[in-house]
Amino acid sequence: MTSKDIAAEIRAYVVAEYLAGEDASDLTGDYALIDNGVIDSLGLIRLISHLTETYQVSFDDIEFGPDNFRSLDAIVELVKTNSAATTAA
């Protein structure tokens, strides 16, 4: 799975789960998801669950902070670096 594929899937998930019915045209790779209120603490838990199920990312072994979820680009990098699904490919 390429970075572009991962980015498209995660963007689609964020739009469907957090921006349903809203204009998502500003949701670029570097858009600040937390700072702009797209994802809150509960939303972050749901996003982590989605990433765990979809990309087999084990967050038990990852040291992460808010910077890992600041933008779509940051989330894609986190997935690429720590995903069993992408490292096995």
PDB file of N, CA and C in Angstrom:
ATOM      1  N   MET A   1       0.855  -1.178   0.000  1.00  0.00           N
ATOM      2  CA  MET A   1       0.000   0.000   0.000  1.00  0.00           C
ATOM      3  C   MET A   1       0.900   1.240   0.000  1.00  0.00           C
ATOM      4  N   THR A   2       0.644   2.143  -0.909  1.00  0.00           N
ATOM      5  CA  THR A   2       1.480   3.338  -1.025  1.00  0.00           C
ATOM      6  C   THR A   2       1.024   4.426  -0.045  1.00  0.00           C
ATOM      7  N   SER A   3       1.887   5.388   0.143  1.00  0.00           N
ATOM      8  CA  SER A   3       1.544   6.530   1.004  1.00  0.00           C
ATOM      9  C   SER A   3       0.305   7.245   0.481  1.00  0.00           C
ATOM     10  N   LYS A   4       0.188   7.324  -0.825  1.00  0.00           N
ATOM     11  CA  LYS A   4      -0.969   7.989  -1.432  1.00  0.00           C
ATOM     12  C   LYS A   4      -2.257   7.234  -1.110  1.00  0.00           C
ATOM     13  N   ASP A   5      -2.193   5.891  -1.172  1.00  0.00           N
ATOM     14  CA  ASP A   5      -3.364   5.068  -0.834  1.00  0.00           C
ATOM     15  C   ASP A   5      -3.744   5.221   0.632  1.00  0.00           C
ATOM     16  N   ILE A   6      -2.741   5.196   1.497  1.00  0.00           N
ATOM     17  CA  ILE A   6      -2.985   5.355   2.936  1.00  0.00           C
ATOM     18  C   ILE A   6      -3.602   6.718   3.206  1.00  0.00           C
ATOM     19  N   ALA A   7      -3.031   7.751   2.601  1.00  0.00           N
ATOM     20  CA  ALA A   7      -3.530   9.118   2.799  1.00  0.00           C
ATOM     21  C   ALA A   7      -4.983   9.234   2.338  1.00  0.00           C
ATOM     22  N   ALA A   8      -5.306   8.647   1.186  1.00  0.00           N
ATOM     23  CA  ALA A   8      -6.676   8.721   0.663  1.00  0.00           C
ATOM     24  C   ALA A   8      -7.652   8.004   1.590  1.00  0.00           C
ATOM     25  N   GLU A   9      -7.258   6.841   2.096  1.00  0.00           N
ATOM     26  CA  GLU A   9      -8.144   6.082   2.985  1.00  0.00           C
ATOM     27  C   GLU A   9      -8.351   6.819   4.306  1.00  0.00           C
ATOM     28  N   ILE A  10      -7.287   7.342   4.881  1.00  0.00           N
ATOM     29  CA  ILE A  10      -7.404   8.050   6.158  1.00  0.00           C
ATOM     30  C   ILE A  10      -8.204   9.342   5.975  1.00  0.00           C
ATOM     31  N   ARG A  11      -7.982  10.045   4.870  1.00  0.00           N
ATOM     32  CA  ARG A  11      -8.751  11.268   4.599  1.00  0.00           C
ATOM     33  C   ARG A  11     -10.233  10.920   4.482  1.00  0.00           C
ATOM     34  N   ALA A  12     -10.557   9.860   3.747  1.00  0.00           N
ATOM     35  CA  ALA A  12     -11.957   9.446   3.597  1.00  0.00           C
ATOM     36  C   ALA A  12     -12.563   9.097   4.953  1.00  0.00           C
ATOM     37  N   TYR A  13     -11.799   8.420   5.803  1.00  0.00           N
ATOM     38  CA  TYR A  13     -12.284   8.071   7.144  1.00  0.00           C
ATOM     39  C   TYR A  13     -12.563   9.330   7.962  1.00  0.00           C
ATOM     40  N   VAL A  14     -11.624  10.264   7.955  1.00  0.00           N
ATOM     41  CA  VAL A  14     -11.789  11.508   8.728  1.00  0.00           C
ATOM     42  C   VAL A  14     -13.000  12.286   8.232  1.00  0.00           C
ATOM     43  N   VAL A  15     -13.163  12.392   6.926  1.00  0.00           N
ATOM     44  CA  VAL A  15     -14.316  13.105   6.368  1.00  0.00           C
ATOM     45  C   VAL A  15     -15.617  12.413   6.780  1.00  0.00           C
ATOM     46  N   ALA A  16     -15.674  11.093   6.650  1.00  0.00           N
ATOM     47  CA  ALA A  16     -16.905  10.358   6.975  1.00  0.00           C
ATOM     48  C   ALA A  16     -17.232  10.411   8.460  1.00  0.00           C
ATOM     49  N   GLU A  17     -16.226  10.289   9.318  1.00  0.00           N
ATOM     50  CA  GLU A  17     -16.458  10.208  10.758  1.00  0.00           C
ATOM     51  C   GLU A  17     -16.574  11.562  11.455  1.00  0.00           C
ATOM     52  N   TYR A  18     -15.842  12.548  10.983  1.00  0.00           N
ATOM     53  CA  TYR A  18     -15.748  13.804  11.723  1.00  0.00           C
ATOM     54  C   TYR A  18     -16.294  15.011  10.963  1.00  0.00           C
ATOM     55  N   LEU A  19     -16.453  14.901   9.647  1.00  0.00           N
ATOM     56  CA  LEU A  19     -16.890  16.049   8.858  1.00  0.00           C
ATOM     57  C   LEU A  19     -18.091  15.724   7.980  1.00  0.00           C
ATOM     58  N   ALA A  20     -18.847  14.715   8.337  1.00  0.00           N
ATOM     59  CA  ALA A  20     -19.996  14.304   7.524  1.00  0.00           C
ATOM     60  C   ALA A  20     -20.926  15.484   7.268  1.00  0.00           C
ATOM     61  N   GLY A  21     -21.181  15.735   5.995  1.00  0.00           N
ATOM     62  CA  GLY A  21     -22.079  16.823   5.619  1.00  0.00           C
ATOM     63  C   GLY A  21     -21.445  18.190   5.604  1.00  0.00           C
ATOM     64  N   GLU A  22     -20.190  18.289   5.992  1.00  0.00           N
ATOM     65  CA  GLU A  22     -19.493  19.578   5.993  1.00  0.00           C
ATOM     66  C   GLU A  22     -18.570  19.669   4.787  1.00  0.00           C
ATOM     67  N   ASP A  23     -18.164  20.881   4.461  1.00  0.00           N
ATOM     68  CA  ASP A  23     -17.229  21.098   3.364  1.00  0.00           C
ATOM     69  C   ASP A  23     -15.840  20.646   3.811  1.00  0.00           C
ATOM     70  N   ALA A  24     -15.294  19.661   3.136  1.00  0.00           N
ATOM     71  CA  ALA A  24     -13.988  19.111   3.508  1.00  0.00           C
ATOM     72  C   ALA A  24     -12.886  19.564   2.552  1.00  0.00           C
ATOM     73  N   SER A  25     -13.152  20.608   1.767  1.00  0.00           N
ATOM     74  CA  SER A  25     -12.176  21.051   0.769  1.00  0.00           C
ATOM     75  C   SER A  25     -10.886  21.580   1.403  1.00  0.00           C
ATOM     76  N   ASP A  26     -10.944  22.065   2.633  1.00  0.00           N
ATOM     77  CA  ASP A  26      -9.749  22.568   3.317  1.00  0.00           C
ATOM     78  C   ASP A  26      -8.909  21.454   3.930  1.00  0.00           C
ATOM     79  N   LEU A  27      -9.389  20.236   3.893  1.00  0.00           N
ATOM     80  CA  LEU A  27      -8.712  19.125   4.552  1.00  0.00           C
ATOM     81  C   LEU A  27      -7.545  18.628   3.692  1.00  0.00           C
ATOM     82  N   THR A  28      -6.461  19.383   3.742  1.00  0.00           N
ATOM     83  CA  THR A  28      -5.243  19.028   3.020  1.00  0.00           C
ATOM     84  C   THR A  28      -4.364  18.195   3.937  1.00  0.00           C
ATOM     85  N   GLY A  29      -3.268  17.711   3.420  1.00  0.00           N
ATOM     86  CA  GLY A  29      -2.358  16.875   4.192  1.00  0.00           C
ATOM     87  C   GLY A  29      -1.796  17.540   5.424  1.00  0.00           C
ATOM     88  N   ASP A  30      -1.646  18.862   5.372  1.00  0.00           N
ATOM     89  CA  ASP A  30      -1.049  19.566   6.509  1.00  0.00           C
ATOM     90  C   ASP A  30      -2.074  20.320   7.365  1.00  0.00           C
ATOM     91  N   TYR A  31      -3.355  20.113   7.111  1.00  0.00           N
ATOM     92  CA  TYR A  31      -4.408  20.781   7.885  1.00  0.00           C
ATOM     93  C   TYR A  31      -4.351  20.321   9.346  1.00  0.00           C
ATOM     94  N   ALA A  32      -4.359  21.255  10.274  1.00  0.00           N
ATOM     95  CA  ALA A  32      -4.234  20.947  11.706  1.00  0.00           C
ATOM     96  C   ALA A  32      -5.551  20.378  12.241  1.00  0.00           C
ATOM     97  N   LEU A  33      -5.608  19.057  12.339  1.00  0.00           N
ATOM     98  CA  LEU A  33      -6.845  18.373  12.732  1.00  0.00           C
ATOM     99  C   LEU A  33      -7.259  18.656  14.172  1.00  0.00           C
ATOM    100  N   ILE A  34      -6.312  18.634  15.079  1.00  0.00           N
ATOM    101  CA  ILE A  34      -6.621  18.849  16.500  1.00  0.00           C
ATOM    102  C   ILE A  34      -6.824  20.335  16.776  1.00  0.00           C
ATOM    103  N   ASP A  35      -5.900  21.163  16.303  1.00  0.00           N
ATOM    104  CA  ASP A  35      -5.983  22.607  16.550  1.00  0.00           C
ATOM    105  C   ASP A  35      -7.254  23.227  15.990  1.00  0.00           C
ATOM    106  N   ASN A  36      -7.754  22.688  14.886  1.00  0.00           N
ATOM    107  CA  ASN A  36      -8.961  23.225  14.258  1.00  0.00           C
ATOM    108  C   ASN A  36     -10.239  22.526  14.717  1.00  0.00           C
ATOM    109  N   GLY A  37     -10.120  21.635  15.696  1.00  0.00           N
ATOM    110  CA  GLY A  37     -11.294  21.018  16.285  1.00  0.00           C
ATOM    111  C   GLY A  37     -11.935  19.909  15.469  1.00  0.00           C
ATOM    112  N   VAL A  38     -11.251  19.414  14.449  1.00  0.00           N
ATOM    113  CA  VAL A  38     -11.805  18.313  13.659  1.00  0.00           C
ATOM    114  C   VAL A  38     -11.823  17.041  14.507  1.00  0.00           C
ATOM    115  N   ILE A  39     -10.712  16.798  15.220  1.00  0.00           N
ATOM    116  CA  ILE A  39     -10.606  15.613  16.064  1.00  0.00           C
ATOM    117  C   ILE A  39     -10.387  16.061  17.507  1.00  0.00           C
ATOM    118  N   ASP A  40     -11.242  15.557  18.400  1.00  0.00           N
ATOM    119  CA  ASP A  40     -11.087  15.828  19.829  1.00  0.00           C
ATOM    120  C   ASP A  40     -10.553  14.561  20.506  1.00  0.00           C
ATOM    121  N   SER A  41     -10.529  14.533  21.825  1.00  0.00           N
ATOM    122  CA  SER A  41      -9.941  13.385  22.529  1.00  0.00           C
ATOM    123  C   SER A  41     -10.699  12.089  22.258  1.00  0.00           C
ATOM    124  N   LEU A  42     -12.011  12.127  22.226  1.00  0.00           N
ATOM    125  CA  LEU A  42     -12.790  10.929  21.919  1.00  0.00           C
ATOM    126  C   LEU A  42     -12.577  10.521  20.460  1.00  0.00           C
ATOM    127  N   GLY A  43     -12.536  11.490  19.592  1.00  0.00           N
ATOM    128  CA  GLY A  43     -12.280  11.215  18.185  1.00  0.00           C
ATOM    129  C   GLY A  43     -10.917  10.603  17.972  1.00  0.00           C
ATOM    130  N   LEU A  44      -9.944  11.022  18.762  1.00  0.00           N
ATOM    131  CA  LEU A  44      -8.595  10.465  18.667  1.00  0.00           C
ATOM    132  C   LEU A  44      -8.591   8.987  19.041  1.00  0.00           C
ATOM    133  N   ILE A  45      -9.361   8.638  20.048  1.00  0.00           N
ATOM    134  CA  ILE A  45      -9.471   7.226  20.452  1.00  0.00           C
ATOM    135  C   ILE A  45     -10.098   6.410  19.319  1.00  0.00           C
ATOM    136  N   ARG A  46     -11.134   6.943  18.691  1.00  0.00           N
ATOM    137  CA  ARG A  46     -11.771   6.251  17.563  1.00  0.00           C
ATOM    138  C   ARG A  46     -10.815   6.117  16.389  1.00  0.00           C
ATOM    139  N   LEU A  47     -10.035   7.164  16.122  1.00  0.00           N
ATOM    140  CA  LEU A  47      -9.065   7.133  15.034  1.00  0.00           C
ATOM    141  C   LEU A  47      -7.988   6.084  15.302  1.00  0.00           C
ATOM    142  N   ILE A  48      -7.485   6.031  16.519  1.00  0.00           N
ATOM    143  CA  ILE A  48      -6.473   5.033  16.884  1.00  0.00           C
ATOM    144  C   ILE A  48      -7.039   3.625  16.700  1.00  0.00           C
ATOM    145  N   SER A  49      -8.278   3.413  17.093  1.00  0.00           N
ATOM    146  CA  SER A  49      -8.918   2.112  16.908  1.00  0.00           C
ATOM    147  C   SER A  49      -8.996   1.760  15.422  1.00  0.00           C
ATOM    148  N   HIS A  50      -9.367   2.720  14.604  1.00  0.00           N
ATOM    149  CA  HIS A  50      -9.449   2.505  13.154  1.00  0.00           C
ATOM    150  C   HIS A  50      -8.079   2.148  12.583  1.00  0.00           C
ATOM    151  N   LEU A  51      -7.046   2.880  12.975  1.00  0.00           N
ATOM    152  CA  LEU A  51      -5.696   2.619  12.471  1.00  0.00           C
ATOM    153  C   LEU A  51      -5.206   1.236  12.909  1.00  0.00           C
ATOM    154  N   THR A  52      -5.536   0.866  14.138  1.00  0.00           N
ATOM    155  CA  THR A  52      -5.139  -0.449  14.650  1.00  0.00           C
ATOM    156  C   THR A  52      -5.779  -1.563  13.831  1.00  0.00           C
ATOM    157  N   GLU A  53      -7.068  -1.429  13.547  1.00  0.00           N
ATOM    158  CA  GLU A  53      -7.787  -2.459  12.801  1.00  0.00           C
ATOM    159  C   GLU A  53      -7.409  -2.479  11.325  1.00  0.00           C
ATOM    160  N   THR A  54      -7.275  -1.319  10.726  1.00  0.00           N
ATOM    161  CA  THR A  54      -7.049  -1.232   9.286  1.00  0.00           C
ATOM    162  C   THR A  54      -5.603  -1.522   8.895  1.00  0.00           C
ATOM    163  N   TYR A  55      -4.669  -1.032   9.692  1.00  0.00           N
ATOM    164  CA  TYR A  55      -3.247  -1.118   9.314  1.00  0.00           C
ATOM    165  C   TYR A  55      -2.406  -1.969  10.263  1.00  0.00           C
ATOM    166  N   GLN A  56      -3.025  -2.634  11.202  1.00  0.00           N
ATOM    167  CA  GLN A  56      -2.327  -3.465  12.184  1.00  0.00           C
ATOM    168  C   GLN A  56      -1.208  -2.698  12.886  1.00  0.00           C
ATOM    169  N   VAL A  57      -1.484  -1.453  13.244  1.00  0.00           N
ATOM    170  CA  VAL A  57      -0.531  -0.649  14.007  1.00  0.00           C
ATOM    171  C   VAL A  57      -0.734  -0.983  15.478  1.00  0.00           C
ATOM    172  N   SER A  58       0.325  -1.391  16.137  1.00  0.00           N
ATOM    173  CA  SER A  58       0.253  -1.695  17.564  1.00  0.00           C
ATOM    174  C   SER A  58       0.742  -0.480  18.338  1.00  0.00           C
ATOM    175  N   PHE A  59      -0.193   0.228  18.936  1.00  0.00           N
ATOM    176  CA  PHE A  59       0.170   1.442  19.654  1.00  0.00           C
ATOM    177  C   PHE A  59       0.775   1.145  21.022  1.00  0.00           C
ATOM    178  N   ASP A  60       0.775  -0.110  21.426  1.00  0.00           N
ATOM    179  CA  ASP A  60       1.396  -0.480  22.696  1.00  0.00           C
ATOM    180  C   ASP A  60       2.901  -0.239  22.680  1.00  0.00           C
ATOM    181  N   ASP A  61       3.513  -0.387  21.519  1.00  0.00           N
ATOM    182  CA  ASP A  61       4.965  -0.284  21.408  1.00  0.00           C
ATOM    183  C   ASP A  61       5.444   1.049  20.844  1.00  0.00           C
ATOM    184  N   ILE A  62       4.532   1.976  20.628  1.00  0.00           N
ATOM    185  CA  ILE A  62       4.879   3.245  19.998  1.00  0.00           C
ATOM    186  C   ILE A  62       4.826   4.373  21.018  1.00  0.00           C
ATOM    187  N   GLU A  63       5.890   5.143  21.061  1.00  0.00           N
ATOM    188  CA  GLU A  63       5.849   6.374  21.844  1.00  0.00           C
ATOM    189  C   GLU A  63       5.301   7.449  20.917  1.00  0.00           C
ATOM    190  N   PHE A  64       4.140   7.952  21.253  1.00  0.00           N
ATOM    191  CA  PHE A  64       3.557   8.979  20.395  1.00  0.00           C
ATOM    192  C   PHE A  64       2.942  10.080  21.225  1.00  0.00           C
ATOM    193  N   GLY A  65       2.746  11.207  20.576  1.00  0.00           N
ATOM    194  CA  GLY A  65       2.136  12.363  21.218  1.00  0.00           C
ATOM    195  C   GLY A  65       1.237  13.061  20.224  1.00  0.00           C
ATOM    196  N   PRO A  66       0.769  14.231  20.578  1.00  0.00           N
ATOM    197  CA  PRO A  66      -0.165  14.953  19.715  1.00  0.00           C
ATOM    198  C   PRO A  66       0.403  15.244  18.323  1.00  0.00           C
ATOM    199  N   ASP A  67       1.725  15.395  18.212  1.00  0.00           N
ATOM    200  CA  ASP A  67       2.316  15.681  16.906  1.00  0.00           C
ATOM    201  C   ASP A  67       2.059  14.559  15.907  1.00  0.00           C
ATOM    202  N   ASN A  68       1.919  13.314  16.381  1.00  0.00           N
ATOM    203  CA  ASN A  68       1.659  12.187  15.488  1.00  0.00           C
ATOM    204  C   ASN A  68       0.270  12.244  14.853  1.00  0.00           C
ATOM    205  N   PHE A  69      -0.623  13.025  15.431  1.00  0.00           N
ATOM    206  CA  PHE A  69      -1.998  13.102  14.940  1.00  0.00           C
ATOM    207  C   PHE A  69      -2.389  14.532  14.549  1.00  0.00           C
ATOM    208  N   ARG A  70      -1.404  15.393  14.452  1.00  0.00           N
ATOM    209  CA  ARG A  70      -1.652  16.809  14.164  1.00  0.00           C
ATOM    210  C   ARG A  70      -2.273  17.024  12.785  1.00  0.00           C
ATOM    211  N   SER A  71      -1.875  16.198  11.804  1.00  0.00           N
ATOM    212  CA  SER A  71      -2.350  16.368  10.429  1.00  0.00           C
ATOM    213  C   SER A  71      -2.461  15.008   9.746  1.00  0.00           C
ATOM    214  N   LEU A  72      -3.092  14.995   8.585  1.00  0.00           N
ATOM    215  CA  LEU A  72      -3.175  13.751   7.817  1.00  0.00           C
ATOM    216  C   LEU A  72      -1.780  13.251   7.452  1.00  0.00           C
ATOM    217  N   ASP A  73      -0.893  14.179   7.078  1.00  0.00           N
ATOM    218  CA  ASP A  73       0.481  13.789   6.729  1.00  0.00           C
ATOM    219  C   ASP A  73       1.177  13.106   7.902  1.00  0.00           C
ATOM    220  N   ALA A  74       0.996  13.638   9.101  1.00  0.00           N
ATOM    221  CA  ALA A  74       1.622  13.058  10.295  1.00  0.00           C
ATOM    222  C   ALA A  74       1.060  11.667  10.586  1.00  0.00           C
ATOM    223  N   ILE A  75      -0.245  11.494  10.395  1.00  0.00           N
ATOM    224  CA  ILE A  75      -0.878  10.195  10.633  1.00  0.00           C
ATOM    225  C   ILE A  75      -0.384   9.178   9.614  1.00  0.00           C
ATOM    226  N   VAL A  76      -0.268   9.580   8.362  1.00  0.00           N
ATOM    227  CA  VAL A  76       0.234   8.682   7.320  1.00  0.00           C
ATOM    228  C   VAL A  76       1.659   8.249   7.655  1.00  0.00           C
ATOM    229  N   GLU A  77       2.493   9.176   8.094  1.00  0.00           N
ATOM    230  CA  GLU A  77       3.872   8.839   8.459  1.00  0.00           C
ATOM    231  C   GLU A  77       3.899   7.861   9.635  1.00  0.00           C
ATOM    232  N   LEU A  78       3.052   8.076  10.613  1.00  0.00           N
ATOM    233  CA  LEU A  78       2.953   7.169  11.763  1.00  0.00           C
ATOM    234  C   LEU A  78       2.564   5.764  11.301  1.00  0.00           C
ATOM    235  N   VAL A  79       1.583   5.675  10.411  1.00  0.00           N
ATOM    236  CA  VAL A  79       1.135   4.379   9.906  1.00  0.00           C
ATOM    237  C   VAL A  79       2.243   3.712   9.100  1.00  0.00           C
ATOM    238  N   LYS A  80       2.870   4.464   8.204  1.00  0.00           N
ATOM    239  CA  LYS A  80       3.938   3.892   7.374  1.00  0.00           C
ATOM    240  C   LYS A  80       5.084   3.357   8.228  1.00  0.00           C
ATOM    241  N   THR A  81       5.434   4.062   9.263  1.00  0.00           N
ATOM    242  CA  THR A  81       6.551   3.690  10.108  1.00  0.00           C
ATOM    243  C   THR A  81       6.236   2.487  10.996  1.00  0.00           C
ATOM    244  N   ASN A  82       4.979   2.336  11.413  1.00  0.00           N
ATOM    245  CA  ASN A  82       4.646   1.347  12.438  1.00  0.00           C
ATOM    246  C   ASN A  82       3.639   0.284  12.027  1.00  0.00           C
ATOM    247  N   SER A  83       3.270   0.215  10.784  1.00  0.00           N
ATOM    248  CA  SER A  83       2.225  -0.714  10.370  1.00  0.00           C
ATOM    249  C   SER A  83       2.778  -2.047   9.892  1.00  0.00           C
ATOM    250  N   ALA A  84       2.213  -3.114  10.410  1.00  0.00           N
ATOM    251  CA  ALA A  84       2.569  -4.456   9.946  1.00  0.00           C
ATOM    252  C   ALA A  84       2.118  -4.628   8.493  1.00  0.00           C
ATOM    253  N   ALA A  85       1.001  -4.031   8.135  1.00  0.00           N
ATOM    254  CA  ALA A  85       0.462  -4.174   6.785  1.00  0.00           C
ATOM    255  C   ALA A  85       1.359  -3.510   5.743  1.00  0.00           C
ATOM    256  N   THR A  86       1.960  -2.367   6.069  1.00  0.00           N
ATOM    257  CA  THR A  86       2.796  -1.680   5.093  1.00  0.00           C
ATOM    258  C   THR A  86       4.241  -2.158   5.135  1.00  0.00           C
ATOM    259  N   THR A  87       4.736  -2.594   6.289  1.00  0.00           N
ATOM    260  CA  THR A  87       6.119  -3.066   6.345  1.00  0.00           C
ATOM    261  C   THR A  87       6.255  -4.463   5.752  1.00  0.00           C
ATOM    262  N   ALA A  88       5.175  -5.228   5.723  1.00  0.00           N
ATOM    263  CA  ALA A  88       5.212  -6.569   5.153  1.00  0.00           C
ATOM    264  C   ALA A  88       5.134  -6.528   3.631  1.00  0.00           C
ATOM    265  N   ALA A  89       4.681  -5.404   3.083  1.00  0.00           N
ATOM    266  CA  ALA A  89       4.490  -5.294   1.628  1.00  0.00           C
ATOM    267  C   ALA A  89       5.794  -5.076   0.897  1.00  0.00           C
TER     268      ALA A  89
END
